[in-house]
Amino acid sequence: MNKSDLKRDYYMLKGPLAKKGYDWWWHSLTAYNKKTGEERPFFIEYFVCNPALAEEEPTLGQLPENQKTGKKP
């Protein structure tokens, strides 16, 4: 798990993964309260959208009509 693999840091918006239209990453971290020393986990999550799939108008993927037709954000 601690072994470095720089290829894992690349965007994966190519090949079969490009069809999904996004790359989704998250990082799990732990922070400590300076006063109490309490340990608390948290995460950072982000998306990178594939610009090759962009349309003129934004698509709201969560709308039922877009989900039924398979239109992606």
C-alpha atoms as a PDB file:
ATOM      1  CA  MET A   1       0.000   0.000   0.000  1.00  0.00           C
ATOM      2  CA  ASN A   2       2.854   2.417   0.736  1.00  0.00           C
ATOM      3  CA  LYS A   3       4.651   1.535  -2.477  1.00  0.00           C
ATOM      4  CA  SER A   4       4.923   4.525  -4.844  1.00  0.00           C
ATOM      5  CA  ASP A   5       3.179   4.155  -8.184  1.00  0.00           C
ATOM      6  CA  LEU A   6       3.130   7.449 -10.094  1.00  0.00           C
ATOM      7  CA  LYS A   7       0.781   5.995 -12.722  1.00  0.00           C
ATOM      8  CA  ARG A   8      -1.962   6.006 -10.092  1.00  0.00           C
ATOM      9  CA  ASP A   9      -1.717   9.816 -10.000  1.00  0.00           C
ATOM     10  CA  TYR A  10      -2.638  10.181 -13.695  1.00  0.00           C
ATOM     11  CA  TYR A  11      -6.115  11.092 -14.854  1.00  0.00           C
ATOM     12  CA  MET A  12      -7.987   8.068 -16.171  1.00  0.00           C
ATOM     13  CA  LEU A  13     -10.187   9.874 -18.684  1.00  0.00           C
ATOM     14  CA  LYS A  14      -9.131   7.715 -21.604  1.00  0.00           C
ATOM     15  CA  GLY A  15     -10.149   4.380 -23.061  1.00  0.00           C
ATOM     16  CA  PRO A  16     -13.192   2.699 -21.474  1.00  0.00           C
ATOM     17  CA  LEU A  17     -13.033   4.990 -18.432  1.00  0.00           C
ATOM     18  CA  ALA A  18     -13.531   8.092 -20.614  1.00  0.00           C
ATOM     19  CA  LYS A  19     -17.069   6.942 -21.447  1.00  0.00           C
ATOM     20  CA  LYS A  20     -18.135   7.454 -17.851  1.00  0.00           C
ATOM     21  CA  GLY A  21     -17.319  11.147 -18.251  1.00  0.00           C
ATOM     22  CA  TYR A  22     -15.549  11.728 -14.974  1.00  0.00           C
ATOM     23  CA  ASP A  23     -12.644  10.722 -12.802  1.00  0.00           C
ATOM     24  CA  TRP A  24     -13.481  10.410  -9.101  1.00  0.00           C
ATOM     25  CA  TRP A  25     -10.781  10.539  -6.435  1.00  0.00           C
ATOM     26  CA  TRP A  26     -10.783  10.711  -2.665  1.00  0.00           C
ATOM     27  CA  HIS A  27      -8.177  10.823   0.041  1.00  0.00           C
ATOM     28  CA  SER A  28      -8.782   9.608   3.584  1.00  0.00           C
ATOM     29  CA  LEU A  29      -6.849  11.491   6.248  1.00  0.00           C
ATOM     30  CA  THR A  30      -6.638  11.824  10.022  1.00  0.00           C
ATOM     31  CA  ALA A  31      -6.373  15.076  11.961  1.00  0.00           C
ATOM     32  CA  TYR A  32      -5.634  15.730  15.612  1.00  0.00           C
ATOM     33  CA  ASN A  33      -7.141  18.449  17.800  1.00  0.00           C
ATOM     34  CA  LYS A  34      -4.271  20.629  19.097  1.00  0.00           C
ATOM     35  CA  LYS A  35      -5.887  21.135  22.521  1.00  0.00           C
ATOM     36  CA  THR A  36      -7.365  17.717  23.271  1.00  0.00           C
ATOM     37  CA  GLY A  37      -5.289  15.444  21.048  1.00  0.00           C
ATOM     38  CA  GLU A  38      -8.525  13.856  19.805  1.00  0.00           C
ATOM     39  CA  GLU A  39      -8.061  11.963  16.547  1.00  0.00           C
ATOM     40  CA  ARG A  40     -10.694  12.518  13.853  1.00  0.00           C
ATOM     41  CA  PRO A  41     -10.823  10.996  10.384  1.00  0.00           C
ATOM     42  CA  PHE A  42     -11.956  13.026   7.378  1.00  0.00           C
ATOM     43  CA  PHE A  43     -11.779  12.778   3.615  1.00  0.00           C
ATOM     44  CA  ILE A  44     -11.400  15.001   0.586  1.00  0.00           C
ATOM     45  CA  GLU A  45     -13.353  13.992  -2.491  1.00  0.00           C
ATOM     46  CA  TYR A  46     -13.242  15.528  -5.958  1.00  0.00           C
ATOM     47  CA  PHE A  47     -14.360  14.928  -9.519  1.00  0.00           C
ATOM     48  CA  VAL A  48     -12.691  15.776 -12.824  1.00  0.00           C
ATOM     49  CA  CYS A  49     -15.151  15.939 -15.729  1.00  0.00           C
ATOM     50  CA  ASN A  50     -14.123  14.788 -19.187  1.00  0.00           C
ATOM     51  CA  PRO A  51     -14.217  17.906 -21.424  1.00  0.00           C
ATOM     52  CA  ALA A  52     -14.391  15.692 -24.534  1.00  0.00           C
ATOM     53  CA  LEU A  53     -17.992  14.806 -23.593  1.00  0.00           C
ATOM     54  CA  ALA A  54     -19.101  18.417 -23.026  1.00  0.00           C
ATOM     55  CA  GLU A  55     -22.237  19.803 -24.661  1.00  0.00           C
ATOM     56  CA  GLU A  56     -23.327  23.394 -25.263  1.00  0.00           C
ATOM     57  CA  GLU A  57     -25.555  23.430 -22.144  1.00  0.00           C
ATOM     58  CA  PRO A  58     -24.765  21.828 -18.767  1.00  0.00           C
ATOM     59  CA  THR A  59     -26.484  18.495 -18.130  1.00  0.00           C
ATOM     60  CA  LEU A  60     -27.882  17.774 -14.697  1.00  0.00           C
ATOM     61  CA  GLY A  61     -27.319  14.037 -14.448  1.00  0.00           C
ATOM     62  CA  GLN A  62     -29.446  13.541 -11.365  1.00  0.00           C
ATOM     63  CA  LEU A  63     -32.687  14.557 -13.144  1.00  0.00           C
ATOM     64  CA  PRO A  64     -34.899  11.510 -13.797  1.00  0.00           C
ATOM     65  CA  GLU A  65     -35.407  12.355 -17.494  1.00  0.00           C
ATOM     66  CA  ASN A  66     -31.631  12.520 -18.020  1.00  0.00           C
ATOM     67  CA  GLN A  67     -31.092   9.244 -16.167  1.00  0.00           C
ATOM     68  CA  LYS A  68     -33.775   7.488 -18.271  1.00  0.00           C
ATOM     69  CA  THR A  69     -32.201   8.601 -21.547  1.00  0.00           C
ATOM     70  CA  GLY A  70     -28.669   7.876 -20.346  1.00  0.00           C
ATOM     71  CA  LYS A  71     -27.588  11.520 -20.748  1.00  0.00           C
ATOM     72  CA  LYS A  72     -24.483  12.132 -18.642  1.00  0.00           C
ATOM     73  CA  PRO A  73     -23.337  15.341 -16.938  1.00  0.00           C
END
